[in-house]
């Protein structure tokens, strides 16, 4: 098949645009992706100032699914406490997990899942 100069020019321009966009996205997403990955590593929420008083919690990402986060908490206080996990999901809307009420001495877990079209979990917090 013989190509005309016009179709050849369009092909080259289209290829240059796609290459340019790919490079721009890779450069802009590079540091953000690294920051999101580092922020989503399991971190004891008890170290964070965002953990509700009376609870000791551990937060993290699911071992197999990077879009699922959890908060595993124990109520060390003297009254019932309600908590839930909150995920910051990058390009997708943030999500909250199920509300869990713990009596004194009880442990429980709240989980949530970021949409698959986003960049994954950027931050995990425990909400009162």
C-alpha atoms as a PDB file:
ATOM      1  CA  UNK A   1       0.000   0.000   0.000  1.00  0.00           C
ATOM      2  CA  UNK A   2       1.388   3.366  -0.979  1.00  0.00           C
ATOM      3  CA  UNK A   3       1.169   6.190   1.590  1.00  0.00           C
ATOM      4  CA  UNK A   4       0.678   9.799   0.582  1.00  0.00           C
ATOM      5  CA  UNK A   5       2.796  12.538   2.114  1.00  0.00           C
ATOM      6  CA  UNK A   6      -0.266  13.825   3.986  1.00  0.00           C
ATOM      7  CA  UNK A   7      -1.018  10.518   5.710  1.00  0.00           C
ATOM      8  CA  UNK A   8       2.665   9.992   6.476  1.00  0.00           C
ATOM      9  CA  UNK A   9       2.858  13.462   8.037  1.00  0.00           C
ATOM     10  CA  UNK A  10      -0.268  12.766  10.151  1.00  0.00           C
ATOM     11  CA  UNK A  11       1.205   9.465  11.309  1.00  0.00           C
ATOM     12  CA  UNK A  12       4.483  11.091  12.395  1.00  0.00           C
ATOM     13  CA  UNK A  13       2.715  13.985  14.180  1.00  0.00           C
ATOM     14  CA  UNK A  14       0.366  11.576  15.995  1.00  0.00           C
ATOM     15  CA  UNK A  15       3.324   9.477  17.132  1.00  0.00           C
ATOM     16  CA  UNK A  16       5.153  12.555  18.423  1.00  0.00           C
ATOM     17  CA  UNK A  17       2.085  13.721  20.373  1.00  0.00           C
ATOM     18  CA  UNK A  18       1.596  10.306  21.987  1.00  0.00           C
ATOM     19  CA  UNK A  19       5.299  10.083  22.871  1.00  0.00           C
ATOM     20  CA  UNK A  20       5.245  13.591  24.352  1.00  0.00           C
ATOM     21  CA  UNK A  21       2.150  12.896  26.463  1.00  0.00           C
ATOM     22  CA  UNK A  22       3.580   9.608  27.690  1.00  0.00           C
ATOM     23  CA  UNK A  23       6.816  11.287  28.741  1.00  0.00           C
ATOM     24  CA  UNK A  24       4.960  14.167  30.426  1.00  0.00           C
ATOM     25  CA  UNK A  25       2.748  11.785  32.394  1.00  0.00           C
ATOM     26  CA  UNK A  26       5.715   9.655  33.433  1.00  0.00           C
ATOM     27  CA  UNK A  27       7.618  12.695  34.704  1.00  0.00           C
ATOM     28  CA  UNK A  28       4.633  14.169  36.551  1.00  0.00           C
ATOM     29  CA  UNK A  29       3.573  10.845  38.099  1.00  0.00           C
ATOM     30  CA  UNK A  30       7.048   9.693  39.139  1.00  0.00           C
ATOM     31  CA  UNK A  31       7.505  11.498  42.496  1.00  0.00           C
ATOM     32  CA  UNK A  32       3.793  11.316  43.316  1.00  0.00           C
ATOM     33  CA  UNK A  33       3.731   7.563  42.813  1.00  0.00           C
ATOM     34  CA  UNK A  34       6.805   7.099  45.011  1.00  0.00           C
ATOM     35  CA  UNK A  35       5.253   9.285  47.720  1.00  0.00           C
ATOM     36  CA  UNK A  36       1.969   7.375  47.568  1.00  0.00           C
ATOM     37  CA  UNK A  37       3.782   4.052  47.867  1.00  0.00           C
ATOM     38  CA  UNK A  38       5.835   5.235  50.839  1.00  0.00           C
ATOM     39  CA  UNK A  39       2.799   6.746  52.568  1.00  0.00           C
ATOM     40  CA  UNK A  40       0.777   3.546  52.257  1.00  0.00           C
ATOM     41  CA  UNK A  41       3.267   1.273  54.025  1.00  0.00           C
ATOM     42  CA  UNK A  42       1.897  -0.229  57.254  1.00  0.00           C
ATOM     43  CA  UNK A  43       2.382   2.308  60.029  1.00  0.00           C
ATOM     44  CA  UNK A  44       1.155   2.044  63.608  1.00  0.00           C
ATOM     45  CA  UNK A  45      -1.526   4.718  63.838  1.00  0.00           C
ATOM     46  CA  UNK A  46      -0.802   5.047  67.566  1.00  0.00           C
ATOM     47  CA  UNK A  47       2.266   7.074  66.541  1.00  0.00           C
ATOM     48  CA  UNK A  48       0.044   9.412  64.512  1.00  0.00           C
ATOM     49  CA  UNK A  49      -1.736  12.328  66.171  1.00  0.00           C
ATOM     50  CA  UNK A  50      -4.853  11.325  64.203  1.00  0.00           C
ATOM     51  CA  UNK A  51      -5.595   8.212  66.277  1.00  0.00           C
ATOM     52  CA  UNK A  52      -8.633   8.776  68.503  1.00  0.00           C
ATOM     53  CA  UNK A  53      -7.852   8.774  72.255  1.00  0.00           C
ATOM     54  CA  UNK A  54      -8.385   5.423  73.947  1.00  0.00           C
ATOM     55  CA  UNK A  55      -7.678   3.407  70.795  1.00  0.00           C
ATOM     56  CA  UNK A  56      -4.440   1.762  69.741  1.00  0.00           C
ATOM     57  CA  UNK A  57      -4.458   1.116  65.995  1.00  0.00           C
ATOM     58  CA  UNK A  58      -2.356  -0.286  63.201  1.00  0.00           C
ATOM     59  CA  UNK A  59      -3.055   0.760  59.618  1.00  0.00           C
ATOM     60  CA  UNK A  60      -1.859  -0.594  56.300  1.00  0.00           C
ATOM     61  CA  UNK A  61      -2.577  -1.872  52.822  1.00  0.00           C
ATOM     62  CA  UNK A  62      -3.861  -5.344  52.050  1.00  0.00           C
ATOM     63  CA  UNK A  63      -1.015  -7.770  51.320  1.00  0.00           C
ATOM     64  CA  UNK A  64      -2.353  -8.647  47.852  1.00  0.00           C
ATOM     65  CA  UNK A  65      -4.456  -5.597  46.856  1.00  0.00           C
ATOM     66  CA  UNK A  66      -2.776  -2.169  46.936  1.00  0.00           C
ATOM     67  CA  UNK A  67      -6.176  -0.457  46.623  1.00  0.00           C
ATOM     68  CA  UNK A  68      -7.557  -1.910  49.894  1.00  0.00           C
ATOM     69  CA  UNK A  69      -6.580  -0.361  53.223  1.00  0.00           C
ATOM     70  CA  UNK A  70      -7.410  -1.259  56.804  1.00  0.00           C
ATOM     71  CA  UNK A  71      -7.331  -0.025  60.386  1.00  0.00           C
ATOM     72  CA  UNK A  72      -7.059  -2.675  63.105  1.00  0.00           C
ATOM     73  CA  UNK A  73      -7.816  -1.123  66.494  1.00  0.00           C
ATOM     74  CA  UNK A  74      -8.134  -2.092  70.149  1.00  0.00           C
ATOM     75  CA  UNK A  75     -10.197  -0.114  72.643  1.00  0.00           C
ATOM     76  CA  UNK A  76      -7.944   0.553  75.659  1.00  0.00           C
ATOM     77  CA  UNK A  77     -10.385   3.045  77.189  1.00  0.00           C
ATOM     78  CA  UNK A  78     -13.213   2.660  79.673  1.00  0.00           C
ATOM     79  CA  UNK A  79     -16.148   3.431  77.330  1.00  0.00           C
ATOM     80  CA  UNK A  80     -17.373   2.165  73.967  1.00  0.00           C
ATOM     81  CA  UNK A  81     -15.626   3.772  70.957  1.00  0.00           C
ATOM     82  CA  UNK A  82     -16.599   3.952  67.287  1.00  0.00           C
ATOM     83  CA  UNK A  83     -13.944   4.283  64.561  1.00  0.00           C
ATOM     84  CA  UNK A  84     -13.525   3.814  60.818  1.00  0.00           C
ATOM     85  CA  UNK A  85     -10.686   3.857  58.318  1.00  0.00           C
ATOM     86  CA  UNK A  86     -10.367   6.769  55.867  1.00  0.00           C
ATOM     87  CA  UNK A  87      -8.395   6.318  52.618  1.00  0.00           C
ATOM     88  CA  UNK A  88      -7.057   9.158  50.507  1.00  0.00           C
ATOM     89  CA  UNK A  89      -7.213   7.644  47.026  1.00  0.00           C
ATOM     90  CA  UNK A  90      -5.219   9.985  44.795  1.00  0.00           C
ATOM     91  CA  UNK A  91      -7.128  10.672  41.575  1.00  0.00           C
ATOM     92  CA  UNK A  92     -10.214   8.744  42.738  1.00  0.00           C
ATOM     93  CA  UNK A  93     -12.622   9.981  45.438  1.00  0.00           C
ATOM     94  CA  UNK A  94     -11.553   9.330  49.028  1.00  0.00           C
ATOM     95  CA  UNK A  95     -13.420   6.526  50.797  1.00  0.00           C
ATOM     96  CA  UNK A  96     -14.419   5.576  54.347  1.00  0.00           C
ATOM     97  CA  UNK A  97     -14.637   2.058  55.692  1.00  0.00           C
ATOM     98  CA  UNK A  98     -17.414   0.594  57.778  1.00  0.00           C
ATOM     99  CA  UNK A  99     -17.989   2.115  61.229  1.00  0.00           C
ATOM    100  CA  UNK A 100     -16.908  -0.280  63.973  1.00  0.00           C
ATOM    101  CA  UNK A 101     -17.960   0.083  67.620  1.00  0.00           C
ATOM    102  CA  UNK A 102     -15.702  -1.513  70.232  1.00  0.00           C
ATOM    103  CA  UNK A 103     -16.455  -2.046  73.899  1.00  0.00           C
ATOM    104  CA  UNK A 104     -13.529  -1.685  76.352  1.00  0.00           C
ATOM    105  CA  UNK A 105     -10.932  -4.401  75.696  1.00  0.00           C
ATOM    106  CA  UNK A 106     -12.337  -5.372  72.284  1.00  0.00           C
ATOM    107  CA  UNK A 107     -10.496  -5.295  68.946  1.00  0.00           C
ATOM    108  CA  UNK A 108     -11.912  -4.804  65.486  1.00  0.00           C
ATOM    109  CA  UNK A 109     -11.075  -3.905  61.912  1.00  0.00           C
ATOM    110  CA  UNK A 110     -12.458  -1.437  59.365  1.00  0.00           C
ATOM    111  CA  UNK A 111     -11.545  -1.807  55.677  1.00  0.00           C
ATOM    112  CA  UNK A 112     -12.104   0.323  52.571  1.00  0.00           C
ATOM    113  CA  UNK A 113     -11.254   0.072  48.867  1.00  0.00           C
ATOM    114  CA  UNK A 114     -10.097   2.804  46.465  1.00  0.00           C
ATOM    115  CA  UNK A 115     -11.432   2.766  42.899  1.00  0.00           C
ATOM    116  CA  UNK A 116      -9.193   0.931  40.439  1.00  0.00           C
ATOM    117  CA  UNK A 117      -8.920   3.893  38.055  1.00  0.00           C
ATOM    118  CA  UNK A 118      -7.022   6.017  40.559  1.00  0.00           C
ATOM    119  CA  UNK A 119      -3.425   6.053  41.698  1.00  0.00           C
ATOM    120  CA  UNK A 120      -4.031   3.889  44.752  1.00  0.00           C
ATOM    121  CA  UNK A 121      -3.844   4.707  48.449  1.00  0.00           C
ATOM    122  CA  UNK A 122      -1.987   7.896  49.334  1.00  0.00           C
ATOM    123  CA  UNK A 123      -2.828   8.079  53.046  1.00  0.00           C
ATOM    124  CA  UNK A 124      -4.608   5.949  55.645  1.00  0.00           C
ATOM    125  CA  UNK A 125      -6.098   7.498  58.789  1.00  0.00           C
ATOM    126  CA  UNK A 126      -8.354   6.374  61.634  1.00  0.00           C
ATOM    127  CA  UNK A 127     -11.417   8.553  62.221  1.00  0.00           C
ATOM    128  CA  UNK A 128     -13.395   8.789  65.481  1.00  0.00           C
END
